[in-house]
Amino acid sequence: VMNRAARIASAAKTGQVWTSEGCWQAAMYEVNAPASLGPGTTPDTHIAPADHVIGISVGTHKLKGIAEEQALVEVRLLGVDALAAPASLGAGGGGGGDESFTV
């Protein structure tokens, strides 16, 4: 598991957070639950849309040491473009795709 996480992280550009599609599917509801957003947050607390965590497909990628191509997802805050990646690195991911996974 650790090797796979390292391979996924190395595929991302500076300022990006990538994960496997399976990991994102398993976690996307919990990371957006009010209790996971910090102390003092209750179910009736209003959470602005900019505070929601989303996953955007970056396509499938061949990762070193893993036989099958892996479907990867960039995780970011809704309304934040590529986490302000420096212009010299470009914004967005490698494999294309624009499928967004939100709750």
N, C-alpha and C. Protein backbone atom coordinates (compact mmCIF):
# COMPACT_ATOMS: atom_id res chain seq x y z
N VAL A 1 0.83 -1.19 0.00
CA VAL A 1 0.00 0.00 0.00
C VAL A 1 0.88 1.25 0.00
N MET A 2 1.93 1.26 0.81
CA MET A 2 2.79 2.41 0.89
C MET A 2 3.49 2.66 -0.45
N ASN A 3 3.95 1.61 -1.11
CA ASN A 3 4.61 1.75 -2.40
C ASN A 3 3.65 2.37 -3.42
N ARG A 4 2.40 1.92 -3.43
CA ARG A 4 1.42 2.45 -4.37
C ARG A 4 1.17 3.94 -4.09
N ALA A 5 1.05 4.30 -2.83
CA ALA A 5 0.83 5.71 -2.46
C ALA A 5 2.01 6.57 -2.93
N ALA A 6 3.21 6.08 -2.77
CA ALA A 6 4.40 6.82 -3.22
C ALA A 6 4.40 6.98 -4.73
N ARG A 7 4.00 5.95 -5.44
CA ARG A 7 3.96 6.03 -6.91
C ARG A 7 2.91 7.05 -7.37
N ILE A 8 1.76 7.05 -6.70
CA ILE A 8 0.70 8.02 -7.05
C ILE A 8 1.18 9.44 -6.75
N ALA A 9 1.79 9.64 -5.60
CA ALA A 9 2.28 10.97 -5.24
C ALA A 9 3.32 11.47 -6.22
N SER A 10 4.16 10.57 -6.72
CA SER A 10 5.20 11.00 -7.66
C SER A 10 4.62 11.37 -9.02
N ALA A 11 3.42 10.90 -9.34
CA ALA A 11 2.78 11.25 -10.61
C ALA A 11 2.18 12.66 -10.58
N ALA A 12 1.87 13.16 -9.38
CA ALA A 12 1.27 14.49 -9.25
C ALA A 12 2.33 15.58 -9.40
N LYS A 13 1.86 16.75 -9.76
CA LYS A 13 2.75 17.92 -9.85
C LYS A 13 2.79 18.63 -8.50
N THR A 14 3.73 19.53 -8.34
CA THR A 14 3.86 20.32 -7.11
C THR A 14 2.53 21.00 -6.80
N GLY A 15 2.08 20.89 -5.56
CA GLY A 15 0.84 21.53 -5.14
C GLY A 15 -0.40 20.70 -5.34
N GLN A 16 -0.27 19.53 -5.93
CA GLN A 16 -1.43 18.68 -6.17
C GLN A 16 -1.47 17.53 -5.17
N VAL A 17 -2.68 17.08 -4.87
CA VAL A 17 -2.87 15.89 -4.04
C VAL A 17 -3.64 14.89 -4.90
N TRP A 18 -3.01 13.75 -5.18
CA TRP A 18 -3.64 12.70 -5.97
C TRP A 18 -3.83 11.47 -5.11
N THR A 19 -4.83 10.69 -5.47
CA THR A 19 -5.09 9.41 -4.82
C THR A 19 -5.67 8.46 -5.85
N SER A 20 -5.81 7.21 -5.48
CA SER A 20 -6.45 6.26 -6.39
C SER A 20 -7.95 6.52 -6.39
N GLU A 21 -8.59 6.15 -7.49
CA GLU A 21 -10.03 6.33 -7.57
C GLU A 21 -10.74 5.53 -6.47
N GLY A 22 -10.26 4.33 -6.19
CA GLY A 22 -10.86 3.50 -5.14
C GLY A 22 -10.77 4.14 -3.77
N CYS A 23 -9.62 4.72 -3.47
CA CYS A 23 -9.43 5.39 -2.18
C CYS A 23 -10.37 6.60 -2.07
N TRP A 24 -10.45 7.38 -3.13
CA TRP A 24 -11.34 8.55 -3.12
C TRP A 24 -12.80 8.12 -2.95
N GLN A 25 -13.22 7.09 -3.67
CA GLN A 25 -14.60 6.62 -3.56
C GLN A 25 -14.91 6.20 -2.12
N ALA A 26 -13.95 5.59 -1.46
CA ALA A 26 -14.15 5.14 -0.08
C ALA A 26 -14.17 6.29 0.92
N ALA A 27 -13.50 7.40 0.62
CA ALA A 27 -13.32 8.48 1.59
C ALA A 27 -14.14 9.74 1.32
N MET A 28 -14.69 9.90 0.12
CA MET A 28 -15.25 11.20 -0.27
C MET A 28 -16.41 11.68 0.60
N TYR A 29 -17.22 10.79 1.12
CA TYR A 29 -18.32 11.23 1.97
C TYR A 29 -17.82 11.63 3.35
N GLU A 30 -16.88 10.86 3.87
CA GLU A 30 -16.37 11.15 5.21
C GLU A 30 -15.58 12.46 5.26
N VAL A 31 -14.76 12.75 4.23
CA VAL A 31 -13.97 13.99 4.27
C VAL A 31 -14.84 15.22 4.15
N ASN A 32 -16.07 15.07 3.67
CA ASN A 32 -16.99 16.19 3.57
C ASN A 32 -18.01 16.24 4.69
N ALA A 33 -17.92 15.31 5.64
CA ALA A 33 -18.82 15.31 6.79
C ALA A 33 -18.45 16.47 7.70
N PRO A 34 -19.43 17.18 8.24
CA PRO A 34 -19.12 18.33 9.10
C PRO A 34 -18.15 18.01 10.23
N ALA A 35 -18.24 16.83 10.83
CA ALA A 35 -17.36 16.48 11.95
C ALA A 35 -15.90 16.39 11.52
N SER A 36 -15.63 16.13 10.25
CA SER A 36 -14.25 15.99 9.80
C SER A 36 -13.62 17.32 9.42
N LEU A 37 -14.39 18.40 9.47
CA LEU A 37 -13.88 19.70 9.04
C LEU A 37 -13.31 20.53 10.17
N GLY A 38 -13.18 19.96 11.35
CA GLY A 38 -12.49 20.67 12.42
C GLY A 38 -13.30 20.80 13.69
N PRO A 39 -12.61 21.23 14.76
CA PRO A 39 -13.26 21.37 16.05
C PRO A 39 -14.36 22.42 16.00
N GLY A 40 -15.41 22.20 16.75
CA GLY A 40 -16.50 23.17 16.83
C GLY A 40 -17.49 23.06 15.69
N THR A 41 -17.27 22.17 14.75
CA THR A 41 -18.19 22.01 13.64
C THR A 41 -19.27 21.02 14.04
N THR A 42 -20.51 21.40 13.83
CA THR A 42 -21.64 20.53 14.15
C THR A 42 -22.45 20.27 12.89
N PRO A 43 -23.33 19.28 12.92
CA PRO A 43 -24.11 18.98 11.71
C PRO A 43 -24.92 20.17 11.20
N ASP A 44 -25.29 21.10 12.09
CA ASP A 44 -26.08 22.25 11.62
C ASP A 44 -25.21 23.45 11.24
N THR A 45 -23.89 23.30 11.31
CA THR A 45 -22.98 24.37 10.92
C THR A 45 -23.06 24.56 9.41
N HIS A 46 -23.17 25.81 8.98
CA HIS A 46 -23.18 26.07 7.54
C HIS A 46 -21.76 25.96 7.00
N ILE A 47 -21.60 25.20 5.96
CA ILE A 47 -20.29 25.04 5.32
C ILE A 47 -20.39 25.66 3.93
N ALA A 48 -19.60 26.67 3.69
CA ALA A 48 -19.63 27.33 2.38
C ALA A 48 -19.16 26.37 1.31
N PRO A 49 -19.70 26.46 0.08
CA PRO A 49 -19.28 25.55 -0.99
C PRO A 49 -17.77 25.52 -1.20
N ALA A 50 -17.08 26.61 -0.95
CA ALA A 50 -15.63 26.64 -1.15
C ALA A 50 -14.91 25.72 -0.18
N ASP A 51 -15.61 25.27 0.87
CA ASP A 51 -15.00 24.40 1.86
C ASP A 51 -15.19 22.93 1.55
N HIS A 52 -15.88 22.61 0.47
CA HIS A 52 -16.12 21.21 0.13
C HIS A 52 -14.92 20.63 -0.61
N VAL A 53 -14.61 19.40 -0.29
CA VAL A 53 -13.51 18.70 -0.92
C VAL A 53 -14.07 17.91 -2.10
N ILE A 54 -13.44 18.03 -3.27
CA ILE A 54 -13.89 17.31 -4.46
C ILE A 54 -12.75 16.48 -5.02
N GLY A 55 -13.10 15.54 -5.84
CA GLY A 55 -12.13 14.72 -6.56
C GLY A 55 -12.37 14.86 -8.05
N ILE A 56 -11.31 15.10 -8.79
CA ILE A 56 -11.40 15.26 -10.24
C ILE A 56 -10.52 14.20 -10.90
N SER A 57 -11.13 13.42 -11.78
CA SER A 57 -10.39 12.37 -12.46
C SER A 57 -9.25 12.98 -13.28
N VAL A 58 -8.08 12.37 -13.17
CA VAL A 58 -6.95 12.78 -14.00
C VAL A 58 -6.58 11.65 -14.96
N GLY A 59 -7.52 10.73 -15.14
CA GLY A 59 -7.33 9.65 -16.09
C GLY A 59 -6.59 8.47 -15.50
N THR A 60 -6.20 7.56 -16.38
CA THR A 60 -5.45 6.39 -15.94
C THR A 60 -3.97 6.62 -16.20
N HIS A 61 -3.15 6.08 -15.33
CA HIS A 61 -1.70 6.26 -15.41
C HIS A 61 -1.01 4.94 -15.16
N LYS A 62 0.06 4.71 -15.87
CA LYS A 62 0.94 3.56 -15.64
C LYS A 62 1.92 3.96 -14.55
N LEU A 63 1.92 3.21 -13.46
CA LEU A 63 2.80 3.50 -12.34
C LEU A 63 3.87 2.43 -12.25
N LYS A 64 5.09 2.84 -11.97
CA LYS A 64 6.22 1.92 -11.87
C LYS A 64 5.93 0.80 -10.87
N GLY A 65 6.17 -0.42 -11.31
CA GLY A 65 6.02 -1.57 -10.43
C GLY A 65 4.60 -2.08 -10.27
N ILE A 66 3.63 -1.47 -10.97
CA ILE A 66 2.24 -1.90 -10.89
C ILE A 66 1.80 -2.26 -12.30
N ALA A 67 1.38 -3.51 -12.49
CA ALA A 67 1.10 -4.03 -13.82
C ALA A 67 -0.01 -3.28 -14.55
N GLU A 68 -1.13 -3.04 -13.89
CA GLU A 68 -2.28 -2.41 -14.53
C GLU A 68 -2.22 -0.89 -14.40
N GLU A 69 -2.75 -0.19 -15.42
CA GLU A 69 -2.90 1.25 -15.30
C GLU A 69 -3.88 1.55 -14.16
N GLN A 70 -3.65 2.63 -13.46
CA GLN A 70 -4.46 2.99 -12.31
C GLN A 70 -5.27 4.24 -12.60
N ALA A 71 -6.56 4.21 -12.25
CA ALA A 71 -7.41 5.40 -12.35
C ALA A 71 -7.07 6.29 -11.16
N LEU A 72 -6.68 7.54 -11.44
CA LEU A 72 -6.26 8.46 -10.38
C LEU A 72 -7.18 9.67 -10.31
N VAL A 73 -7.22 10.27 -9.12
CA VAL A 73 -8.10 11.40 -8.84
C VAL A 73 -7.28 12.50 -8.16
N GLU A 74 -7.44 13.74 -8.62
CA GLU A 74 -6.86 14.88 -7.90
C GLU A 74 -7.87 15.35 -6.88
N VAL A 75 -7.44 15.50 -5.63
CA VAL A 75 -8.31 15.95 -4.55
C VAL A 75 -8.00 17.41 -4.28
N ARG A 76 -9.06 18.23 -4.25
CA ARG A 76 -8.87 19.66 -4.00
C ARG A 76 -10.11 20.27 -3.38
N LEU A 77 -9.97 21.49 -2.90
CA LEU A 77 -11.11 22.23 -2.39
C LEU A 77 -11.90 22.77 -3.57
N LEU A 78 -13.21 22.68 -3.50
CA LEU A 78 -14.08 23.20 -4.54
C LEU A 78 -13.81 24.69 -4.70
N GLY A 79 -13.60 25.12 -5.92
CA GLY A 79 -13.36 26.54 -6.19
C GLY A 79 -11.89 26.92 -6.19
N VAL A 80 -10.99 25.98 -5.94
CA VAL A 80 -9.56 26.26 -5.96
C VAL A 80 -8.97 25.61 -7.20
N ASP A 81 -8.36 26.39 -8.08
CA ASP A 81 -7.80 25.88 -9.32
C ASP A 81 -6.40 25.33 -9.11
N ALA A 82 -6.25 24.03 -9.26
CA ALA A 82 -4.95 23.33 -9.20
C ALA A 82 -4.11 23.79 -8.02
N LEU A 83 -4.77 24.17 -6.95
CA LEU A 83 -4.08 24.58 -5.72
C LEU A 83 -2.99 25.60 -5.99
N ALA A 84 -3.27 26.53 -6.88
CA ALA A 84 -2.35 27.62 -7.19
C ALA A 84 -0.98 27.13 -7.61
N ALA A 85 -0.95 26.13 -8.48
CA ALA A 85 0.33 25.61 -8.98
C ALA A 85 1.05 26.71 -9.73
N PRO A 86 2.37 26.83 -9.57
CA PRO A 86 3.12 27.84 -10.30
C PRO A 86 2.90 27.70 -11.81
N ALA A 87 2.81 28.82 -12.49
CA ALA A 87 2.53 28.82 -13.93
C ALA A 87 3.56 28.00 -14.70
N SER A 88 4.79 27.96 -14.24
CA SER A 88 5.83 27.22 -14.96
C SER A 88 5.58 25.71 -14.94
N LEU A 89 4.80 25.24 -13.95
CA LEU A 89 4.50 23.82 -13.87
C LEU A 89 3.22 23.47 -14.60
N GLY A 90 2.43 24.47 -14.90
CA GLY A 90 1.15 24.22 -15.55
C GLY A 90 0.12 23.80 -14.52
N ALA A 91 -1.12 23.93 -14.88
CA ALA A 91 -2.21 23.52 -13.99
C ALA A 91 -2.82 22.25 -14.54
N GLY A 92 -3.33 21.45 -13.66
CA GLY A 92 -4.02 20.24 -14.09
C GLY A 92 -3.10 19.05 -14.11
N GLY A 93 -3.70 17.91 -14.38
CA GLY A 93 -2.97 16.65 -14.29
C GLY A 93 -2.51 16.13 -15.61
N GLY A 94 -1.99 14.92 -15.57
CA GLY A 94 -1.37 14.33 -16.73
C GLY A 94 -2.29 13.64 -17.69
N GLY A 95 -3.17 12.77 -17.21
CA GLY A 95 -3.86 11.85 -18.09
C GLY A 95 -5.13 12.35 -18.72
N GLY A 96 -5.52 13.57 -18.47
CA GLY A 96 -6.74 14.07 -19.05
C GLY A 96 -7.94 13.58 -18.26
N GLY A 97 -9.10 13.87 -18.76
CA GLY A 97 -10.32 13.49 -18.06
C GLY A 97 -10.80 14.63 -17.19
N ASP A 98 -12.13 14.77 -17.13
CA ASP A 98 -12.66 15.87 -16.34
C ASP A 98 -13.81 15.40 -15.46
N GLU A 99 -13.85 14.12 -15.16
CA GLU A 99 -14.91 13.59 -14.34
C GLU A 99 -14.70 14.06 -12.90
N SER A 100 -15.73 14.67 -12.34
CA SER A 100 -15.64 15.18 -10.98
C SER A 100 -16.46 14.31 -10.05
N PHE A 101 -15.92 14.00 -8.89
CA PHE A 101 -16.60 13.18 -7.91
C PHE A 101 -16.92 14.07 -6.71
N THR A 102 -18.18 14.44 -6.54
CA THR A 102 -18.56 15.27 -5.43
C THR A 102 -19.64 14.58 -4.63
N VAL A 103 -19.89 15.12 -3.43
CA VAL A 103 -20.96 14.58 -2.60
C VAL A 103 -22.08 15.55 -2.50
